[in-house]
C-alpha atoms as a PDB file:
ATOM      1  CA  MET A   1    -251.973 -61.527 -21.504  1.00  0.00           C
ATOM      2  CA  SER A   2    -250.771 -63.840 -18.613  1.00  0.00           C
ATOM      3  CA  VAL A   3    -247.244 -64.880 -18.326  1.00  0.00           C
ATOM      4  CA  PHE A   4    -248.008 -68.506 -19.321  1.00  0.00           C
ATOM      5  CA  GLN A   5    -249.600 -67.623 -22.258  1.00  0.00           C
ATOM      6  CA  HIS A   6    -246.427 -66.072 -23.582  1.00  0.00           C
ATOM      7  CA  ASP A   7    -244.441 -68.113 -26.224  1.00  0.00           C
ATOM      8  CA  TYR A   8    -240.609 -67.888 -25.405  1.00  0.00           C
ATOM      9  CA  GLN A   9    -238.161 -67.875 -27.893  1.00  0.00           C
ATOM     10  CA  ALA A  10    -234.403 -67.620 -28.084  1.00  0.00           C
ATOM     11  CA  TYR A  11    -232.752 -64.307 -28.590  1.00  0.00           C
ATOM     12  CA  THR A  12    -232.177 -63.588 -32.292  1.00  0.00           C
ATOM     13  CA  GLY A  13    -230.675 -60.139 -32.298  1.00  0.00           C
ATOM     14  CA  ARG A  14    -227.331 -58.653 -32.627  1.00  0.00           C
ATOM     15  CA  VAL A  15    -224.902 -60.674 -30.661  1.00  0.00           C
ATOM     16  CA  THR A  16    -221.522 -58.974 -29.036  1.00  0.00           C
ATOM     17  CA  PRO A  17    -218.354 -60.293 -30.866  1.00  0.00           C
ATOM     18  CA  LEU A  18    -216.369 -62.796 -28.708  1.00  0.00           C
ATOM     19  CA  TRP A  19    -213.158 -60.632 -29.040  1.00  0.00           C
ATOM     20  CA  THR A  20    -214.822 -57.589 -27.725  1.00  0.00           C
ATOM     21  CA  ARG A  21    -216.283 -59.343 -24.484  1.00  0.00           C
ATOM     22  CA  PRO A  22    -212.875 -59.198 -22.344  1.00  0.00           C
ATOM     23  CA  LEU A  23    -212.829 -55.265 -23.277  1.00  0.00           C
ATOM     24  CA  VAL A  24    -216.270 -54.804 -21.410  1.00  0.00           C
ATOM     25  CA  LEU A  25    -214.510 -56.402 -18.081  1.00  0.00           C
ATOM     26  CA  ALA A  26    -211.500 -54.431 -18.760  1.00  0.00           C
ATOM     27  CA  ARG A  27    -213.156 -51.037 -19.205  1.00  0.00           C
ATOM     28  CA  TYR A  28    -215.129 -51.742 -15.750  1.00  0.00           C
ATOM     29  CA  GLY A  29    -211.944 -52.915 -14.178  1.00  0.00           C
ATOM     30  CA  LEU A  30    -210.325 -49.849 -15.283  1.00  0.00           C
ATOM     31  CA  LYS A  31    -213.014 -47.741 -13.765  1.00  0.00           C
ATOM     32  CA  GLU A  32    -212.731 -49.552 -10.489  1.00  0.00           C
ATOM     33  CA  VAL A  33    -209.018 -49.158 -10.228  1.00  0.00           C
ATOM     34  CA  TRP A  34    -208.934 -45.429 -10.988  1.00  0.00           C
ATOM     35  CA  ALA A  35    -211.827 -44.766  -8.688  1.00  0.00           C
ATOM     36  CA  SER A  36    -209.456 -44.892  -5.676  1.00  0.00           C
ATOM     37  CA  LYS A  37    -207.645 -41.606  -4.612  1.00  0.00           C
ATOM     38  CA  ILE A  38    -204.560 -43.723  -3.513  1.00  0.00           C
ATOM     39  CA  ALA A  39    -204.165 -45.088  -7.067  1.00  0.00           C
ATOM     40  CA  VAL A  40    -204.225 -41.654  -8.873  1.00  0.00           C
ATOM     41  CA  GLY A  41    -201.804 -40.490  -6.134  1.00  0.00           C
ATOM     42  CA  LEU A  42    -199.340 -43.240  -6.836  1.00  0.00           C
ATOM     43  CA  LEU A  43    -199.850 -42.711 -10.318  1.00  0.00           C
ATOM     44  CA  VAL A  44    -198.548 -38.838  -9.918  1.00  0.00           C
ATOM     45  CA  LEU A  45    -195.657 -39.975  -7.665  1.00  0.00           C
ATOM     46  CA  SER A  46    -194.670 -42.360 -10.683  1.00  0.00           C
ATOM     47  CA  LEU A  47    -194.674 -39.750 -13.313  1.00  0.00           C
ATOM     48  CA  LEU A  48    -192.444 -37.330 -10.999  1.00  0.00           C
ATOM     49  CA  PRO A  49    -189.158 -39.191 -12.052  1.00  0.00           C
ATOM     50  CA  PRO A  50    -189.762 -38.946 -15.925  1.00  0.00           C
ATOM     51  CA  ILE A  51    -190.107 -35.119 -15.298  1.00  0.00           C
ATOM     52  CA  VAL A  52    -186.471 -35.346 -13.754  1.00  0.00           C
ATOM     53  CA  PHE A  53    -185.081 -37.577 -16.715  1.00  0.00           C
ATOM     54  CA  LEU A  54    -186.747 -35.188 -19.027  1.00  0.00           C
ATOM     55  CA  THR A  55    -184.747 -32.394 -17.662  1.00  0.00           C
ATOM     56  CA  ILE A  56    -181.653 -34.307 -17.928  1.00  0.00           C
ATOM     57  CA  ILE A  57    -182.160 -34.856 -21.540  1.00  0.00           C
ATOM     58  CA  TYR A  58    -182.959 -31.306 -22.167  1.00  0.00           C
ATOM     59  CA  LEU A  59    -179.600 -30.428 -20.384  1.00  0.00           C
ATOM     60  CA  ALA A  60    -177.650 -32.752 -22.230  1.00  0.00           C
ATOM     61  CA  ASP A  61    -179.003 -31.718 -25.611  1.00  0.00           C
ATOM     62  CA  ASN A  62    -178.486 -28.172 -24.837  1.00  0.00           C
ATOM     63  CA  PRO A  63    -174.827 -27.034 -25.657  1.00  0.00           C
ATOM     64  CA  VAL A  64    -175.159 -23.874 -22.996  1.00  0.00           C
ATOM     65  CA  ALA A  65    -176.159 -26.057 -20.213  1.00  0.00           C
ATOM     66  CA  ARG A  66    -173.966 -29.027 -21.116  1.00  0.00           C
ATOM     67  CA  ALA A  67    -171.012 -26.658 -21.137  1.00  0.00           C
ATOM     68  CA  LEU A  68    -172.002 -25.530 -17.568  1.00  0.00           C
ATOM     69  CA  VAL A  69    -172.545 -28.828 -16.603  1.00  0.00           C
ATOM     70  CA  GLY A  70    -169.578 -30.381 -17.971  1.00  0.00           C
ATOM     71  CA  ARG A  71    -168.704 -32.437 -20.797  1.00  0.00           C
ATOM     72  CA  GLY A  72    -167.322 -35.529 -19.081  1.00  0.00           C
ATOM     73  CA  SER A  73    -170.291 -35.972 -16.509  1.00  0.00           C
ATOM     74  CA  ASP A  74    -171.670 -39.490 -16.797  1.00  0.00           C
ATOM     75  CA  MET A  75    -174.989 -38.024 -15.320  1.00  0.00           C
ATOM     76  CA  ILE A  76    -175.219 -36.132 -18.651  1.00  0.00           C
ATOM     77  CA  ALA A  77    -174.641 -38.828 -20.891  1.00  0.00           C
ATOM     78  CA  ILE A  78    -177.854 -40.033 -22.524  1.00  0.00           C
ATOM     79  CA  ASN A  79    -177.028 -43.724 -23.378  1.00  0.00           C
ATOM     80  CA  GLU A  80    -178.008 -47.301 -22.583  1.00  0.00           C
ATOM     81  CA  ARG A  81    -177.049 -46.807 -19.021  1.00  0.00           C
ATOM     82  CA  PHE A  82    -179.233 -43.683 -18.857  1.00  0.00           C
ATOM     83  CA  PHE A  83    -182.331 -45.444 -20.154  1.00  0.00           C
ATOM     84  CA  LEU A  84    -181.764 -48.533 -17.937  1.00  0.00           C
ATOM     85  CA  ARG A  85    -181.924 -46.344 -14.900  1.00  0.00           C
ATOM     86  CA  MET A  86    -185.095 -44.963 -16.164  1.00  0.00           C
ATOM     87  CA  LEU A  87    -186.563 -48.173 -16.958  1.00  0.00           C
ATOM     88  CA  ALA A  88    -185.556 -49.633 -13.583  1.00  0.00           C
ATOM     89  CA  THR A  89    -186.951 -46.571 -11.790  1.00  0.00           C
ATOM     90  CA  GLN A  90    -190.399 -46.877 -13.507  1.00  0.00           C
ATOM     91  CA  CYS A  91    -190.793 -50.753 -13.184  1.00  0.00           C
ATOM     92  CA  TRP A  92    -190.230 -50.700  -9.386  1.00  0.00           C
ATOM     93  CA  LEU A  93    -192.641 -47.971  -9.164  1.00  0.00           C
ATOM     94  CA  ALA A  94    -195.177 -50.003 -10.976  1.00  0.00           C
ATOM     95  CA  LEU A  95    -194.594 -52.503  -8.477  1.00  0.00           C
ATOM     96  CA  ALA A  96    -196.095 -50.306  -5.877  1.00  0.00           C
ATOM     97  CA  LEU A  97    -199.069 -49.306  -8.075  1.00  0.00           C
ATOM     98  CA  ALA A  98    -199.619 -53.074  -8.861  1.00  0.00           C
ATOM     99  CA  ALA A  99    -199.637 -53.989  -5.267  1.00  0.00           C
ATOM    100  CA  TRP A 100    -202.369 -51.484  -4.449  1.00  0.00           C
ATOM    101  CA  ILE A 101    -204.550 -51.850  -7.602  1.00  0.00           C
ATOM    102  CA  ALA A 102    -204.386 -55.584  -8.481  1.00  0.00           C
ATOM    103  CA  PRO A 103    -205.758 -57.009  -5.223  1.00  0.00           C
ATOM    104  CA  ARG A 104    -209.186 -55.422  -6.006  1.00  0.00           C
ATOM    105  CA  LEU A 105    -209.758 -56.745  -9.325  1.00  0.00           C
ATOM    106  CA  ILE A 106    -210.661 -60.069  -8.666  1.00  0.00           C
ATOM    107  CA  ALA A 107    -211.097 -60.091  -4.797  1.00  0.00           C
ATOM    108  CA  ALA A 108    -214.067 -58.018  -4.906  1.00  0.00           C
ATOM    109  CA  ASP A 109    -215.932 -60.399  -7.123  1.00  0.00           C
ATOM    110  CA  LEU A 110    -215.115 -63.350  -5.035  1.00  0.00           C
ATOM    111  CA  ALA A 111    -216.006 -61.639  -1.765  1.00  0.00           C
ATOM    112  CA  ASP A 112    -219.541 -60.705  -3.266  1.00  0.00           C
ATOM    113  CA  ASN A 113    -220.168 -64.067  -4.728  1.00  0.00           C
ATOM    114  CA  ALA A 114    -220.377 -62.300  -8.153  1.00  0.00           C
ATOM    115  CA  LEU A 115    -218.274 -64.675 -10.067  1.00  0.00           C
ATOM    116  CA  PRO A 116    -220.692 -67.310 -10.773  1.00  0.00           C
ATOM    117  CA  ILE A 117    -223.155 -64.731 -11.897  1.00  0.00           C
ATOM    118  CA  LEU A 118    -220.547 -63.098 -14.383  1.00  0.00           C
ATOM    119  CA  LEU A 119    -219.558 -66.695 -15.767  1.00  0.00           C
ATOM    120  CA  SER A 120    -223.012 -67.778 -16.126  1.00  0.00           C
ATOM    121  CA  HIS A 121    -223.055 -64.881 -18.974  1.00  0.00           C
ATOM    122  CA  PRO A 122    -221.477 -65.728 -22.299  1.00  0.00           C
ATOM    123  CA  ILE A 123    -217.929 -65.092 -20.966  1.00  0.00           C
ATOM    124  CA  SER A 124    -215.354 -67.920 -20.531  1.00  0.00           C
ATOM    125  CA  ARG A 125    -212.890 -68.014 -17.614  1.00  0.00           C
ATOM    126  CA  PHE A 126    -210.231 -67.221 -20.180  1.00  0.00           C
ATOM    127  CA  SER A 127    -212.275 -63.749 -21.096  1.00  0.00           C
ATOM    128  CA  TYR A 128    -212.809 -63.038 -17.464  1.00  0.00           C
ATOM    129  CA  ILE A 129    -209.115 -63.407 -16.729  1.00  0.00           C
ATOM    130  CA  LEU A 130    -208.135 -61.577 -19.896  1.00  0.00           C
ATOM    131  CA  GLY A 131    -210.336 -58.581 -19.210  1.00  0.00           C
ATOM    132  CA  LYS A 132    -208.713 -58.239 -15.646  1.00  0.00           C
ATOM    133  CA  PHE A 133    -205.308 -58.811 -17.345  1.00  0.00           C
ATOM    134  CA  LEU A 134    -205.624 -56.086 -19.835  1.00  0.00           C
ATOM    135  CA  ALA A 135    -207.042 -53.648 -17.196  1.00  0.00           C
ATOM    136  CA  LEU A 136    -203.822 -54.288 -15.009  1.00  0.00           C
ATOM    137  CA  ILE A 137    -201.666 -53.979 -18.145  1.00  0.00           C
ATOM    138  CA  THR A 138    -203.183 -50.790 -19.241  1.00  0.00           C
ATOM    139  CA  SER A 139    -202.690 -49.257 -15.923  1.00  0.00           C
ATOM    140  CA  LEU A 140    -199.229 -50.267 -15.458  1.00  0.00           C
ATOM    141  CA  SER A 141    -198.281 -49.216 -19.049  1.00  0.00           C
ATOM    142  CA  TYR A 142    -198.891 -45.653 -17.971  1.00  0.00           C
ATOM    143  CA  VAL A 143    -195.829 -45.535 -15.610  1.00  0.00           C
ATOM    144  CA  THR A 144    -193.409 -48.023 -17.669  1.00  0.00           C
ATOM    145  CA  TRP A 145    -193.116 -48.089 -21.342  1.00  0.00           C
ATOM    146  CA  ILE A 146    -195.153 -45.103 -22.000  1.00  0.00           C
ATOM    147  CA  PRO A 147    -193.176 -42.600 -20.363  1.00  0.00           C
ATOM    148  CA  CYS A 148    -189.794 -44.307 -21.078  1.00  0.00           C
ATOM    149  CA  ILE A 149    -190.584 -44.503 -25.035  1.00  0.00           C
ATOM    150  CA  SER A 150    -191.754 -40.641 -24.977  1.00  0.00           C
ATOM    151  CA  LEU A 151    -188.475 -39.697 -23.613  1.00  0.00           C
ATOM    152  CA  PHE A 152    -186.709 -41.827 -25.948  1.00  0.00           C
ATOM    153  CA  LEU A 153    -188.712 -40.101 -28.877  1.00  0.00           C
ATOM    154  CA  TYR A 154    -187.853 -36.813 -27.235  1.00  0.00           C
ATOM    155  CA  GLN A 155    -184.286 -37.660 -27.273  1.00  0.00           C
ATOM    156  CA  CYS A 156    -184.301 -38.568 -30.818  1.00  0.00           C
ATOM    157  CA  TYR A 157    -185.926 -35.365 -31.485  1.00  0.00           C
ATOM    158  CA  SER A 158    -183.755 -33.182 -29.571  1.00  0.00           C
ATOM    159  CA  SER A 159    -180.247 -34.434 -30.252  1.00  0.00           C
ATOM    160  CA  PRO A 160    -178.040 -32.236 -32.090  1.00  0.00           C
ATOM    161  CA  GLN A 161    -176.293 -35.358 -33.415  1.00  0.00           C
ATOM    162  CA  PRO A 162    -177.438 -38.230 -35.437  1.00  0.00           C
ATOM    163  CA  TRP A 163    -178.659 -40.472 -32.524  1.00  0.00           C
ATOM    164  CA  THR A 164    -181.736 -42.451 -33.498  1.00  0.00           C
ATOM    165  CA  MET A 165    -180.516 -45.281 -35.918  1.00  0.00           C
ATOM    166  CA  ALA A 166    -177.476 -45.968 -33.646  1.00  0.00           C
ATOM    167  CA  HIS A 167    -179.390 -46.296 -30.558  1.00  0.00           C
ATOM    168  CA  LEU A 168    -182.678 -47.968 -31.980  1.00  0.00           C
ATOM    169  CA  PRO A 169    -182.157 -51.283 -29.864  1.00  0.00           C
ATOM    170  CA  ILE A 170    -182.958 -49.071 -26.810  1.00  0.00           C
ATOM    171  CA  ALA A 171    -186.455 -48.754 -27.808  1.00  0.00           C
ATOM    172  CA  PHE A 172    -186.893 -52.453 -28.402  1.00  0.00           C
ATOM    173  CA  GLY A 173    -185.092 -53.340 -25.024  1.00  0.00           C
ATOM    174  CA  ILE A 174    -187.594 -50.908 -23.401  1.00  0.00           C
ATOM    175  CA  MET A 175    -190.644 -52.191 -24.618  1.00  0.00           C
ATOM    176  CA  THR A 176    -189.584 -55.912 -24.388  1.00  0.00           C
ATOM    177  CA  GLY A 177    -188.212 -55.305 -20.703  1.00  0.00           C
ATOM    178  CA  ALA A 178    -191.299 -53.480 -19.615  1.00  0.00           C
ATOM    179  CA  LEU A 179    -193.857 -55.826 -21.092  1.00  0.00           C
ATOM    180  CA  LEU A 180    -192.092 -58.828 -19.585  1.00  0.00           C
ATOM    181  CA  TRP A 181    -192.268 -57.001 -15.990  1.00  0.00           C
ATOM    182  CA  ILE A 182    -195.845 -55.861 -16.408  1.00  0.00           C
ATOM    183  CA  ALA A 183    -197.128 -59.278 -17.447  1.00  0.00           C
ATOM    184  CA  LEU A 184    -195.167 -61.075 -14.376  1.00  0.00           C
ATOM    185  CA  LEU A 185    -196.710 -58.105 -12.080  1.00  0.00           C
ATOM    186  CA  SER A 186    -200.135 -58.708 -13.741  1.00  0.00           C
ATOM    187  CA  LEU A 187    -200.046 -62.547 -13.179  1.00  0.00           C
ATOM    188  CA  LEU A 188    -198.771 -62.137  -9.726  1.00  0.00           C
ATOM    189  CA  GLY A 189    -201.418 -59.492  -8.764  1.00  0.00           C
ATOM    190  CA  LEU A 190    -204.342 -61.299 -10.065  1.00  0.00           C
ATOM    191  CA  ALA A 191    -203.160 -64.589  -8.432  1.00  0.00           C
ATOM    192  CA  VAL A 192    -202.756 -63.099  -5.133  1.00  0.00           C
ATOM    193  CA  SER A 193    -206.036 -61.078  -5.580  1.00  0.00           C
ATOM    194  CA  SER A 194    -207.863 -64.435  -6.241  1.00  0.00           C
ATOM    195  CA  TRP A 195    -206.521 -66.027  -2.931  1.00  0.00           C
ATOM    196  CA  VAL A 196    -206.511 -63.015  -0.315  1.00  0.00           C
ATOM    197  CA  LYS A 197    -209.868 -61.104  -0.017  1.00  0.00           C
ATOM    198  CA  TRP A 198    -208.265 -58.303   2.285  1.00  0.00           C
ATOM    199  CA  ARG A 199    -206.379 -55.553   0.198  1.00  0.00           C
ATOM    200  CA  VAL A 200    -203.906 -54.744   2.904  1.00  0.00           C
ATOM    201  CA  VAL A 201    -203.079 -58.199   3.249  1.00  0.00           C
ATOM    202  CA  ALA A 202    -202.840 -58.807  -0.648  1.00  0.00           C
ATOM    203  CA  THR A 203    -200.705 -55.697  -1.011  1.00  0.00           C
ATOM    204  CA  GLY A 204    -198.266 -57.319   1.553  1.00  0.00           C
ATOM    205  CA  ALA A 205    -198.157 -60.446  -0.062  1.00  0.00           C
ATOM    206  CA  ILE A 206    -197.242 -59.153  -3.398  1.00  0.00           C
ATOM    207  CA  PHE A 207    -194.397 -57.318  -1.922  1.00  0.00           C
ATOM    208  CA  ALA A 208    -193.368 -60.693   0.162  1.00  0.00           C
ATOM    209  CA  VAL A 209    -193.542 -62.766  -2.822  1.00  0.00           C
ATOM    210  CA  VAL A 210    -190.974 -60.343  -4.760  1.00  0.00           C
ATOM    211  CA  PHE A 211    -188.659 -59.606  -1.804  1.00  0.00           C
ATOM    212  CA  VAL A 212    -188.828 -62.589   0.687  1.00  0.00           C
ATOM    213  CA  PRO A 213    -187.347 -65.020  -1.828  1.00  0.00           C
ATOM    214  CA  ALA A 214    -184.577 -62.795  -2.349  1.00  0.00           C
ATOM    215  CA  GLY A 215    -183.532 -62.991   1.388  1.00  0.00           C
ATOM    216  CA  VAL A 216    -183.762 -66.883   1.047  1.00  0.00           C
ATOM    217  CA  GLY A 217    -181.638 -66.724  -2.004  1.00  0.00           C
ATOM    218  CA  GLY A 218    -179.149 -64.637  -0.248  1.00  0.00           C
ATOM    219  CA  ILE A 219    -178.970 -66.991   2.698  1.00  0.00           C
ATOM    220  CA  ALA A 220    -178.506 -69.942   0.340  1.00  0.00           C
ATOM    221  CA  ASN A 221    -175.582 -67.950  -1.451  1.00  0.00           C
ATOM    222  CA  ALA A 222    -173.961 -67.590   2.101  1.00  0.00           C
ATOM    223  CA  ILE A 223    -174.403 -70.887   3.322  1.00  0.00           C
ATOM    224  CA  LEU A 224    -173.519 -72.861  -0.123  1.00  0.00           C
ATOM    225  CA  ARG A 225    -171.063 -70.466  -1.388  1.00  0.00           C
ATOM    226  CA  THR A 226    -173.062 -70.466  -4.658  1.00  0.00           C
ATOM    227  CA  ARG A 227    -174.486 -67.825  -6.959  1.00  0.00           C
ATOM    228  CA  TRP A 228    -177.628 -69.891  -7.852  1.00  0.00           C
ATOM    229  CA  GLY A 229    -179.555 -68.232  -5.049  1.00  0.00           C
ATOM    230  CA  PHE A 230    -179.717 -65.095  -7.321  1.00  0.00           C
ATOM    231  CA  LEU A 231    -182.228 -66.951  -9.140  1.00  0.00           C
ATOM    232  CA  LEU A 232    -184.578 -66.208  -6.232  1.00  0.00           C
ATOM    233  CA  ASN A 233    -183.611 -62.764  -6.295  1.00  0.00           C
ATOM    234  CA  VAL A 234    -186.289 -61.005  -8.612  1.00  0.00           C
ATOM    235  CA  PRO A 235    -184.555 -57.560  -8.472  1.00  0.00           C
ATOM    236  CA  VAL A 236    -181.063 -59.208  -9.454  1.00  0.00           C
ATOM    237  CA  MET A 237    -182.709 -61.097 -12.040  1.00  0.00           C
ATOM    238  CA  MET A 238    -184.919 -58.321 -13.561  1.00  0.00           C
ATOM    239  CA  SER A 239    -181.939 -55.996 -13.425  1.00  0.00           C
ATOM    240  CA  GLU A 240    -179.906 -58.453 -15.551  1.00  0.00           C
ATOM    241  CA  VAL A 241    -182.727 -58.726 -17.944  1.00  0.00           C
ATOM    242  CA  TRP A 242    -183.292 -55.168 -18.431  1.00  0.00           C
ATOM    243  CA  GLN A 243    -179.486 -54.497 -18.691  1.00  0.00           C
ATOM    244  CA  ARG A 244    -179.125 -57.223 -21.570  1.00  0.00           C
ATOM    245  CA  LEU A 245    -182.093 -56.092 -23.414  1.00  0.00           C
ATOM    246  CA  LEU A 246    -180.813 -52.436 -23.529  1.00  0.00           C
ATOM    247  CA  GLY A 247    -177.220 -53.522 -24.256  1.00  0.00           C
ATOM    248  CA  ALA A 248    -175.992 -51.555 -21.038  1.00  0.00           C
ATOM    249  CA  PRO A 249    -172.869 -52.182 -19.222  1.00  0.00           C
ATOM    250  CA  ALA A 250    -172.939 -54.842 -16.562  1.00  0.00           C
ATOM    251  CA  ILE A 251    -174.267 -53.381 -13.303  1.00  0.00           C
ATOM    252  CA  ALA A 252    -173.109 -56.420 -11.045  1.00  0.00           C
ATOM    253  CA  ASN A 253    -169.955 -58.218 -11.028  1.00  0.00           C
ATOM    254  CA  SER A 254    -169.372 -61.639 -12.820  1.00  0.00           C
ATOM    255  CA  ARG A 255    -169.855 -63.637  -9.560  1.00  0.00           C
ATOM    256  CA  MET A 256    -173.757 -62.426  -9.683  1.00  0.00           C
ATOM    257  CA  SER A 257    -174.122 -62.615 -13.233  1.00  0.00           C
ATOM    258  CA  MET A 258    -176.672 -65.596 -13.940  1.00  0.00           C
ATOM    259  CA  PRO A 259    -177.059 -67.240 -17.333  1.00  0.00           C
ATOM    260  CA  THR A 260    -179.874 -65.868 -19.500  1.00  0.00           C
ATOM    261  CA  PRO A 261    -181.500 -69.305 -20.062  1.00  0.00           C
ATOM    262  CA  ALA A 262    -181.609 -69.993 -16.137  1.00  0.00           C
ATOM    263  CA  ILE A 263    -183.388 -66.774 -15.691  1.00  0.00           C
ATOM    264  CA  ALA A 264    -185.884 -67.307 -18.306  1.00  0.00           C
ATOM    265  CA  VAL A 265    -186.688 -70.781 -17.034  1.00  0.00           C
ATOM    266  CA  VAL A 266    -187.283 -69.252 -13.662  1.00  0.00           C
ATOM    267  CA  LEU A 267    -189.817 -66.543 -14.932  1.00  0.00           C
ATOM    268  CA  ILE A 268    -191.432 -69.166 -16.782  1.00  0.00           C
ATOM    269  CA  LEU A 269    -191.882 -71.389 -13.844  1.00  0.00           C
ATOM    270  CA  ALA A 270    -193.101 -68.460 -11.753  1.00  0.00           C
ATOM    271  CA  SER A 271    -195.718 -67.398 -14.602  1.00  0.00           C
ATOM    272  CA  LEU A 272    -197.049 -70.914 -14.433  1.00  0.00           C
ATOM    273  CA  VAL A 273    -197.473 -71.225 -10.714  1.00  0.00           C
ATOM    274  CA  PHE A 274    -199.356 -67.927 -10.749  1.00  0.00           C
ATOM    275  CA  ALA A 275    -201.519 -69.066 -13.619  1.00  0.00           C
ATOM    276  CA  ALA A 276    -202.113 -72.402 -11.684  1.00  0.00           C
ATOM    277  CA  MET A 277    -203.312 -70.410  -8.895  1.00  0.00           C
ATOM    278  CA  LEU A 278    -205.617 -68.412 -11.015  1.00  0.00           C
ATOM    279  CA  ASN A 279    -207.171 -71.643 -12.530  1.00  0.00           C
ATOM    280  CA  ALA A 280    -207.836 -73.153  -9.214  1.00  0.00           C
ATOM    281  CA  ARG A 281    -209.844 -70.120  -8.048  1.00  0.00           C
ATOM    282  CA  ILE A 282    -211.669 -69.038 -10.847  1.00  0.00           C
ATOM    283  CA  ARG A 283    -214.636 -71.235 -10.930  1.00  0.00           C
ATOM    284  CA  ALA A 284    -218.347 -70.718 -12.305  1.00  0.00           C
ATOM    285  CA  ARG A 285    -219.699 -72.189  -9.159  1.00  0.00           C
ATOM    286  CA  GLU A 286    -218.973 -72.211  -5.481  1.00  0.00           C
ATOM    287  CA  VAL A 287    -218.363 -75.329  -3.194  1.00  0.00           C
ATOM    288  CA  VAL A 288    -219.951 -75.067   0.204  1.00  0.00           C
ATOM    289  CA  ARG A 289    -218.898 -77.622   2.806  1.00  0.00           C
ATOM    290  CA  GLY A 290    -220.934 -77.953   5.973  1.00  0.00           C
END
């Protein structure tokens, strides 16, 4: 039968639910992310510190080992400060991992002009970004809250004294602090990926966005003799957020301490800027000027 003699009709078969469509993009995003040997190597390196922290917990809960190390040692005390060190270590390792894997998630689609094709399918811009976002969140969870919560549960199991109920807020602080950092890193990584097509340049740009404003804030503090420049210092801000969520003793002196509402406003504004950058680049059509 000739083609023109066919009567074309709309598809009436089973339709994929709307909520599962971003998961397809997330699955392919994870496949692309972990196809890189460097990403796998960074993951392995990021899981080495939890092994060290696991050893410390074992020594702390072993009476013989604790007697040999010394009961008054701060290094062997499993408390809020201990988990703060662990959370901060894993979160900064997650920055290195995000700087490598995030630039590939959107930049490849833009470089290959695949975005108009993807968005021509029954996938909205929000679903597309959500799928990439889920891929990045899942990848960064492997090195942040998952190992930290695993060691928290191990401490609950191995502690010879009643420990869990008295320190339960630590688990909440770990989850909240890690997810806040992952969300901020994911928005930053996807925003940079949507504007910079070269992976090496995008990786450097992610580190620059985190650390260059810290230097600017330090200069502002020195010139203006104020502490508000620390609002541009991401390491200082996030350290204070993690410390307050876990209820650990203050790390910095009172002159460096920033009000929690001010930190929250800065983080929200930064997230909105990254979201606006994404919104400006994720389009179903490409405008060519010539």
